[in-house]
C-alpha atoms as a PDB file:
ATOM      1  CA  MET A   1      60.690 155.863-120.246  1.00  0.00           C
ATOM      2  CA  SER A   2      57.605 156.868-118.300  1.00  0.00           C
ATOM      3  CA  ASP A   3      57.668 158.456-114.873  1.00  0.00           C
ATOM      4  CA  GLN A   4      56.973 154.994-113.425  1.00  0.00           C
ATOM      5  CA  SER A   5      60.517 154.013-114.346  1.00  0.00           C
ATOM      6  CA  LEU A   6      62.017 156.519-111.949  1.00  0.00           C
ATOM      7  CA  SER A   7      64.001 155.000-109.134  1.00  0.00           C
ATOM      8  CA  MET A   8      62.853 155.164-105.539  1.00  0.00           C
ATOM      9  CA  ASP A   9      64.931 158.297-105.001  1.00  0.00           C
ATOM     10  CA  GLY A  10      63.260 160.045-107.964  1.00  0.00           C
ATOM     11  CA  THR A  11      66.147 159.862-110.436  1.00  0.00           C
ATOM     12  CA  ASN A  12      66.104 158.325-113.880  1.00  0.00           C
ATOM     13  CA  PRO A  13      68.992 155.828-114.282  1.00  0.00           C
ATOM     14  CA  GLU A  14      68.581 155.791-118.049  1.00  0.00           C
ATOM     15  CA  SER A  15      69.015 159.542-118.546  1.00  0.00           C
ATOM     16  CA  ALA A  16      72.752 159.301-119.237  1.00  0.00           C
ATOM     17  CA  ILE A  17      72.388 156.569-121.870  1.00  0.00           C
ATOM     18  CA  THR A  18      72.433 157.692-125.499  1.00  0.00           C
ATOM     19  CA  SER A  19      69.678 156.688-127.906  1.00  0.00           C
ATOM     20  CA  GLU A  20      72.099 154.469-129.844  1.00  0.00           C
ATOM     21  CA  GLU A  21      73.173 152.636-126.704  1.00  0.00           C
ATOM     22  CA  GLN A  22      69.559 152.203-125.635  1.00  0.00           C
ATOM     23  CA  ALA A  23      68.605 150.838-129.063  1.00  0.00           C
ATOM     24  CA  ALA A  24      71.471 148.340-128.933  1.00  0.00           C
ATOM     25  CA  ARG A  25      70.449 147.231-125.440  1.00  0.00           C
ATOM     26  CA  SER A  26      66.838 146.808-126.518  1.00  0.00           C
ATOM     27  CA  ALA A  27      67.825 144.746-129.552  1.00  0.00           C
ATOM     28  CA  ARG A  28      70.083 142.538-127.451  1.00  0.00           C
ATOM     29  CA  ASP A  29      67.339 142.117-124.865  1.00  0.00           C
ATOM     30  CA  ARG A  30      64.828 141.076-127.533  1.00  0.00           C
ATOM     31  CA  GLN A  31      67.242 138.492-128.902  1.00  0.00           C
ATOM     32  CA  ARG A  32      67.772 137.005-125.453  1.00  0.00           C
ATOM     33  CA  LEU A  33      64.033 137.048-124.774  1.00  0.00           C
ATOM     34  CA  HIS A  34      63.305 135.192-128.015  1.00  0.00           C
ATOM     35  CA  ALA A  35      65.981 132.621-127.185  1.00  0.00           C
ATOM     36  CA  VAL A  36      64.751 131.904-123.670  1.00  0.00           C
ATOM     37  CA  GLY A  37      61.134 131.978-124.812  1.00  0.00           C
ATOM     38  CA  PHE A  38      61.770 129.353-127.481  1.00  0.00           C
ATOM     39  CA  GLN A  39      63.740 127.228-125.034  1.00  0.00           C
ATOM     40  CA  HIS A  40      60.954 127.313-122.460  1.00  0.00           C
ATOM     41  CA  LEU A  41      58.373 126.593-125.157  1.00  0.00           C
ATOM     42  CA  GLN A  42      60.315 123.471-126.072  1.00  0.00           C
ATOM     43  CA  PHE A  43      60.285 122.381-122.435  1.00  0.00           C
ATOM     44  CA  VAL A  44      56.540 122.941-122.124  1.00  0.00           C
ATOM     45  CA  VAL A  45      55.567 121.246-125.387  1.00  0.00           C
ATOM     46  CA  GLY A  46      57.930 118.324-124.826  1.00  0.00           C
ATOM     47  CA  GLY A  47      56.815 117.867-121.238  1.00  0.00           C
ATOM     48  CA  LEU A  48      53.123 117.891-122.100  1.00  0.00           C
ATOM     49  CA  LEU A  49      53.627 115.435-124.964  1.00  0.00           C
ATOM     50  CA  ILE A  50      55.447 113.022-122.660  1.00  0.00           C
ATOM     51  CA  TRP A  51      52.769 113.507-120.010  1.00  0.00           C
ATOM     52  CA  GLY A  52      50.043 112.877-122.575  1.00  0.00           C
ATOM     53  CA  ALA A  53      51.752 109.729-123.844  1.00  0.00           C
ATOM     54  CA  SER A  54      51.479 108.235-120.371  1.00  0.00           C
ATOM     55  CA  GLY A  55      47.717 108.294-120.789  1.00  0.00           C
ATOM     56  CA  TYR A  56      47.901 106.087-123.871  1.00  0.00           C
ATOM     57  CA  TRP A  57      50.309 103.701-122.147  1.00  0.00           C
ATOM     58  CA  PHE A  58      48.093 103.519-119.074  1.00  0.00           C
ATOM     59  CA  ALA A  59      44.986 102.872-121.189  1.00  0.00           C
ATOM     60  CA  THR A  60      46.547 100.129-123.311  1.00  0.00           C
ATOM     61  CA  SER A  61      48.722  98.415-120.719  1.00  0.00           C
ATOM     62  CA  PRO A  62      47.915  99.393-117.115  1.00  0.00           C
ATOM     63  CA  GLY A  63      50.208  98.164-114.391  1.00  0.00           C
ATOM     64  CA  LEU A  64      52.477  99.089-111.521  1.00  0.00           C
ATOM     65  CA  LEU A  65      55.275 100.507-113.686  1.00  0.00           C
ATOM     66  CA  ILE A  66      53.127 102.974-115.615  1.00  0.00           C
ATOM     67  CA  THR A  67      51.336 103.943-112.403  1.00  0.00           C
ATOM     68  CA  ILE A  68      54.642 104.847-110.745  1.00  0.00           C
ATOM     69  CA  LEU A  69      55.867 106.630-113.875  1.00  0.00           C
ATOM     70  CA  SER A  70      52.596 108.538-114.157  1.00  0.00           C
ATOM     71  CA  LEU A  71      52.881 109.828-110.607  1.00  0.00           C
ATOM     72  CA  ALA A  72      56.557 110.703-111.031  1.00  0.00           C
ATOM     73  CA  GLY A  73      55.982 112.273-114.440  1.00  0.00           C
ATOM     74  CA  GLY A  74      53.092 114.365-113.183  1.00  0.00           C
ATOM     75  CA  TYR A  75      55.278 115.681-110.372  1.00  0.00           C
ATOM     76  CA  VAL A  76      58.318 116.398-112.558  1.00  0.00           C
ATOM     77  CA  ILE A  77      56.380 118.022-115.398  1.00  0.00           C
ATOM     78  CA  GLY A  78      54.139 119.906-112.981  1.00  0.00           C
ATOM     79  CA  SER A  79      57.240 121.284-111.245  1.00  0.00           C
ATOM     80  CA  MET A  80      58.676 122.373-114.577  1.00  0.00           C
ATOM     81  CA  LEU A  81      55.450 124.040-115.706  1.00  0.00           C
ATOM     82  CA  GLY A  82      55.002 125.730-112.339  1.00  0.00           C
ATOM     83  CA  GLY A  83      58.544 127.089-112.355  1.00  0.00           C
ATOM     84  CA  ILE A  84      58.407 128.377-115.919  1.00  0.00           C
ATOM     85  CA  GLY A  85      54.948 129.874-115.501  1.00  0.00           C
ATOM     86  CA  HIS A  86      55.934 131.596-112.271  1.00  0.00           C
ATOM     87  CA  GLU A  87      58.945 133.333-113.790  1.00  0.00           C
ATOM     88  CA  TRP A  88      57.022 134.438-116.875  1.00  0.00           C
ATOM     89  CA  GLY A  89      54.319 135.784-114.581  1.00  0.00           C
ATOM     90  CA  HIS A  90      56.897 137.878-112.741  1.00  0.00           C
ATOM     91  CA  TYR A  91      58.370 139.044-116.044  1.00  0.00           C
ATOM     92  CA  THR A  92      54.953 139.975-117.434  1.00  0.00           C
ATOM     93  CA  GLY A  93      54.156 141.988-114.314  1.00  0.00           C
ATOM     94  CA  ALA A  94      57.499 143.753-114.582  1.00  0.00           C
ATOM     95  CA  ARG A  95      57.077 144.620-118.255  1.00  0.00           C
ATOM     96  CA  LEU A  96      53.454 145.748-117.928  1.00  0.00           C
ATOM     97  CA  SER A  97      54.510 148.166-115.188  1.00  0.00           C
ATOM     98  CA  GLY A  98      57.333 149.568-117.307  1.00  0.00           C
ATOM     99  CA  SER A  99      60.061 148.183-115.070  1.00  0.00           C
ATOM    100  CA  LEU A 100      63.709 147.968-115.981  1.00  0.00           C
ATOM    101  CA  ALA A 101      64.041 144.173-116.159  1.00  0.00           C
ATOM    102  CA  PRO A 102      66.508 143.028-118.834  1.00  0.00           C
ATOM    103  CA  VAL A 103      66.864 139.382-119.780  1.00  0.00           C
ATOM    104  CA  SER A 104      69.965 137.941-118.142  1.00  0.00           C
ATOM    105  CA  LYS A 105      72.971 136.908-120.205  1.00  0.00           C
ATOM    106  CA  GLU A 106      73.676 134.021-117.833  1.00  0.00           C
ATOM    107  CA  ARG A 107      70.577 132.177-116.672  1.00  0.00           C
ATOM    108  CA  GLN A 108      70.201 129.901-113.666  1.00  0.00           C
ATOM    109  CA  GLY A 109      67.381 127.387-113.767  1.00  0.00           C
ATOM    110  CA  PHE A 110      64.185 129.083-114.904  1.00  0.00           C
ATOM    111  CA  PHE A 111      65.315 132.516-113.677  1.00  0.00           C
ATOM    112  CA  PHE A 112      65.866 134.507-116.844  1.00  0.00           C
ATOM    113  CA  PHE A 113      65.609 138.229-116.096  1.00  0.00           C
ATOM    114  CA  ASN A 114      67.150 140.743-113.743  1.00  0.00           C
ATOM    115  CA  PHE A 115      64.720 143.045-111.980  1.00  0.00           C
ATOM    116  CA  LYS A 116      66.696 146.205-111.244  1.00  0.00           C
ATOM    117  CA  MET A 117      65.663 146.670-107.633  1.00  0.00           C
ATOM    118  CA  GLU A 118      67.389 150.025-107.095  1.00  0.00           C
ATOM    119  CA  GLU A 119      66.227 151.553-110.378  1.00  0.00           C
ATOM    120  CA  ASN A 120      62.560 150.516-110.268  1.00  0.00           C
ATOM    121  CA  SER A 121      59.823 152.030-108.134  1.00  0.00           C
ATOM    122  CA  ARG A 122      57.949 150.404-105.276  1.00  0.00           C
ATOM    123  CA  ALA A 123      54.816 150.146-107.437  1.00  0.00           C
ATOM    124  CA  GLN A 124      56.796 148.369-110.146  1.00  0.00           C
ATOM    125  CA  PHE A 125      58.192 145.904-107.624  1.00  0.00           C
ATOM    126  CA  LEU A 126      54.678 145.131-106.414  1.00  0.00           C
ATOM    127  CA  ALA A 127      53.419 144.642-109.979  1.00  0.00           C
ATOM    128  CA  MET A 128      56.278 142.248-110.665  1.00  0.00           C
ATOM    129  CA  SER A 129      55.604 140.388-107.415  1.00  0.00           C
ATOM    130  CA  VAL A 130      51.881 139.942-108.050  1.00  0.00           C
ATOM    131  CA  GLY A 131      52.532 138.559-111.531  1.00  0.00           C
ATOM    132  CA  GLY A 132      54.164 135.383-110.206  1.00  0.00           C
ATOM    133  CA  PRO A 133      51.332 133.943-108.083  1.00  0.00           C
ATOM    134  CA  THR A 134      48.756 135.131-110.618  1.00  0.00           C
ATOM    135  CA  ALA A 135      50.428 133.025-113.292  1.00  0.00           C
ATOM    136  CA  ASN A 136      50.654 130.005-110.983  1.00  0.00           C
ATOM    137  CA  TRP A 137      46.931 129.973-110.208  1.00  0.00           C
ATOM    138  CA  LEU A 138      46.102 130.571-113.853  1.00  0.00           C
ATOM    139  CA  MET A 139      48.075 127.437-114.705  1.00  0.00           C
ATOM    140  CA  VAL A 140      46.136 125.431-112.108  1.00  0.00           C
ATOM    141  CA  LEU A 141      42.872 126.599-113.672  1.00  0.00           C
ATOM    142  CA  ILE A 142      44.033 125.767-117.203  1.00  0.00           C
ATOM    143  CA  ALA A 143      45.178 122.306-116.119  1.00  0.00           C
ATOM    144  CA  LEU A 144      41.833 121.558-114.468  1.00  0.00           C
ATOM    145  CA  VAL A 145      39.850 122.724-117.485  1.00  0.00           C
ATOM    146  CA  ALA A 146      41.995 121.696-120.439  1.00  0.00           C
ATOM    147  CA  LEU A 147      43.939 118.532-119.603  1.00  0.00           C
ATOM    148  CA  PRO A 148      42.479 115.047-120.120  1.00  0.00           C
ATOM    149  CA  THR A 149      41.807 112.804-117.139  1.00  0.00           C
ATOM    150  CA  ASP A 150      42.286 109.457-118.927  1.00  0.00           C
ATOM    151  CA  ASN A 151      45.257 108.690-116.703  1.00  0.00           C
ATOM    152  CA  ALA A 152      43.994 109.628-113.249  1.00  0.00           C
ATOM    153  CA  PHE A 153      47.408 109.191-111.631  1.00  0.00           C
ATOM    154  CA  ALA A 154      49.197 111.484-114.096  1.00  0.00           C
ATOM    155  CA  PHE A 155      46.431 114.086-113.944  1.00  0.00           C
ATOM    156  CA  ALA A 156      46.213 114.086-110.150  1.00  0.00           C
ATOM    157  CA  ALA A 157      49.987 114.311-109.731  1.00  0.00           C
ATOM    158  CA  LEU A 158      50.345 117.197-112.194  1.00  0.00           C
ATOM    159  CA  VAL A 159      47.437 119.254-110.841  1.00  0.00           C
ATOM    160  CA  ALA A 160      48.453 118.566-107.235  1.00  0.00           C
ATOM    161  CA  THR A 161      52.013 119.690-107.992  1.00  0.00           C
ATOM    162  CA  LEU A 162      50.861 122.882-109.720  1.00  0.00           C
ATOM    163  CA  THR A 163      48.554 123.620-106.787  1.00  0.00           C
ATOM    164  CA  GLY A 164      51.245 122.938-104.202  1.00  0.00           C
ATOM    165  CA  ILE A 165      53.629 125.284-105.999  1.00  0.00           C
ATOM    166  CA  ALA A 166      50.947 127.978-106.226  1.00  0.00           C
ATOM    167  CA  VAL A 167      50.235 127.696-102.498  1.00  0.00           C
ATOM    168  CA  ASN A 168      53.927 127.878-101.596  1.00  0.00           C
ATOM    169  CA  VAL A 169      54.364 130.864-103.884  1.00  0.00           C
ATOM    170  CA  CYS A 170      51.549 132.680-102.078  1.00  0.00           C
ATOM    171  CA  VAL A 171      52.952 131.753 -98.670  1.00  0.00           C
ATOM    172  CA  PHE A 172      56.254 133.330 -99.691  1.00  0.00           C
ATOM    173  CA  GLU A 173      55.103 136.250-101.845  1.00  0.00           C
ATOM    174  CA  PHE A 174      52.068 137.644-100.028  1.00  0.00           C
ATOM    175  CA  PRO A 175      53.902 138.662 -96.819  1.00  0.00           C
ATOM    176  CA  VAL A 176      56.533 140.357 -98.990  1.00  0.00           C
ATOM    177  CA  ILE A 177      53.869 142.167-101.009  1.00  0.00           C
ATOM    178  CA  TYR A 178      52.091 143.260 -97.828  1.00  0.00           C
ATOM    179  CA  ASP A 179      55.235 144.529 -96.103  1.00  0.00           C
ATOM    180  CA  VAL A 180      56.575 146.356 -99.161  1.00  0.00           C
ATOM    181  CA  SER A 181      53.192 147.959 -99.841  1.00  0.00           C
ATOM    182  CA  ASN A 182      53.380 149.308 -96.283  1.00  0.00           C
ATOM    183  CA  GLY A 183      56.804 150.856 -96.764  1.00  0.00           C
ATOM    184  CA  ALA A 184      59.318 148.060 -96.133  1.00  0.00           C
ATOM    185  CA  ASP A 185      62.484 147.817 -98.209  1.00  0.00           C
ATOM    186  CA  PRO A 186      61.953 145.217-100.983  1.00  0.00           C
ATOM    187  CA  ARG A 187      65.393 143.617-100.927  1.00  0.00           C
ATOM    188  CA  ALA A 188      65.615 143.392 -97.142  1.00  0.00           C
ATOM    189  CA  THR A 189      62.080 142.001 -96.986  1.00  0.00           C
ATOM    190  CA  ILE A 190      62.866 139.251 -99.484  1.00  0.00           C
ATOM    191  CA  ASP A 191      66.066 138.332 -97.657  1.00  0.00           C
ATOM    192  CA  GLN A 192      64.223 138.078 -94.345  1.00  0.00           C
ATOM    193  CA  ARG A 193      61.412 136.065 -95.921  1.00  0.00           C
ATOM    194  CA  LEU A 194      63.930 133.561 -97.276  1.00  0.00           C
ATOM    195  CA  VAL A 195      65.288 133.102 -93.752  1.00  0.00           C
ATOM    196  CA  ASP A 196      61.804 132.678 -92.284  1.00  0.00           C
ATOM    197  CA  VAL A 197      60.673 130.134 -94.879  1.00  0.00           C
ATOM    198  CA  ALA A 198      63.865 128.106 -94.479  1.00  0.00           C
ATOM    199  CA  LYS A 199      62.971 127.557 -90.819  1.00  0.00           C
ATOM    200  CA  THR A 200      59.676 125.831 -91.675  1.00  0.00           C
ATOM    201  CA  PRO A 201      59.903 122.022 -91.299  1.00  0.00           C
ATOM    202  CA  TRP A 202      59.171 120.111 -94.501  1.00  0.00           C
ATOM    203  CA  TYR A 203      56.208 118.337 -92.909  1.00  0.00           C
ATOM    204  CA  LEU A 204      54.551 121.716 -92.264  1.00  0.00           C
ATOM    205  CA  ASN A 205      55.083 122.894 -95.840  1.00  0.00           C
ATOM    206  CA  ALA A 206      51.744 124.358 -96.928  1.00  0.00           C
ATOM    207  CA  GLY A 207      52.245 123.463-100.572  1.00  0.00           C
ATOM    208  CA  LEU A 208      53.128 119.869 -99.775  1.00  0.00           C
ATOM    209  CA  LEU A 209      50.111 119.442 -97.507  1.00  0.00           C
ATOM    210  CA  SER A 210      47.595 121.111 -99.815  1.00  0.00           C
ATOM    211  CA  GLY A 211      48.972 119.480-102.955  1.00  0.00           C
ATOM    212  CA  GLY A 212      48.964 116.048-101.357  1.00  0.00           C
ATOM    213  CA  ALA A 213      45.396 116.482-100.126  1.00  0.00           C
ATOM    214  CA  LEU A 214      44.194 117.647-103.539  1.00  0.00           C
ATOM    215  CA  GLY A 215      45.986 114.805-105.317  1.00  0.00           C
ATOM    216  CA  ALA A 216      44.334 112.238-103.066  1.00  0.00           C
ATOM    217  CA  LEU A 217      40.936 113.873-103.577  1.00  0.00           C
ATOM    218  CA  LEU A 218      41.315 113.859-107.357  1.00  0.00           C
ATOM    219  CA  LEU A 219      42.210 110.162-107.349  1.00  0.00           C
ATOM    220  CA  VAL A 220      39.006 109.458-105.433  1.00  0.00           C
ATOM    221  CA  LEU A 221      36.826 111.620-107.679  1.00  0.00           C
ATOM    222  CA  ILE A 222      38.198 110.680-111.112  1.00  0.00           C
END
């Protein structure tokens, strides 16, 4: 591994691992990565196909039911896409920085890898952290440019949800990135940020407010 993979105390946690053990770990990690990647791809493709089908239904038989389903579907699928994209953004940032971040054997929700906080450097933590919000805003841009607007309700709900998630991600991540870049302990900073965010009333949630405003604006403009 490169010097970037040294831990924060300057030691290399992989130095005691034999080449055979490392090769076996790498092979196992690739297998798990392929499995979770294919699973998430199924979610994304299936979700977008269902979302797209609502446009045909809305065009051929508009009504209250499809309007409600379009709004609900845009929210649900947007939440799924935002969650998956966010985690892959973190993972990409971790891998590009050379971090030790193996794919987890047991996964919870969309969380699929374990960033080794003690073994990775501060710079690697920051690279991993930046990857998440970058991916979220990239998804908002792709949705605005690439998705059809035939069903205004489905489009507005999906884009508004992606935007709300991206805003909330930034509200959470940027203070962590700032504090850690100025010398704070990554794990303690995350724990404290979780406490701080939990104290925010739902009606002051930045993602909810911005996403709702954007959704309403899109419905007016489309």
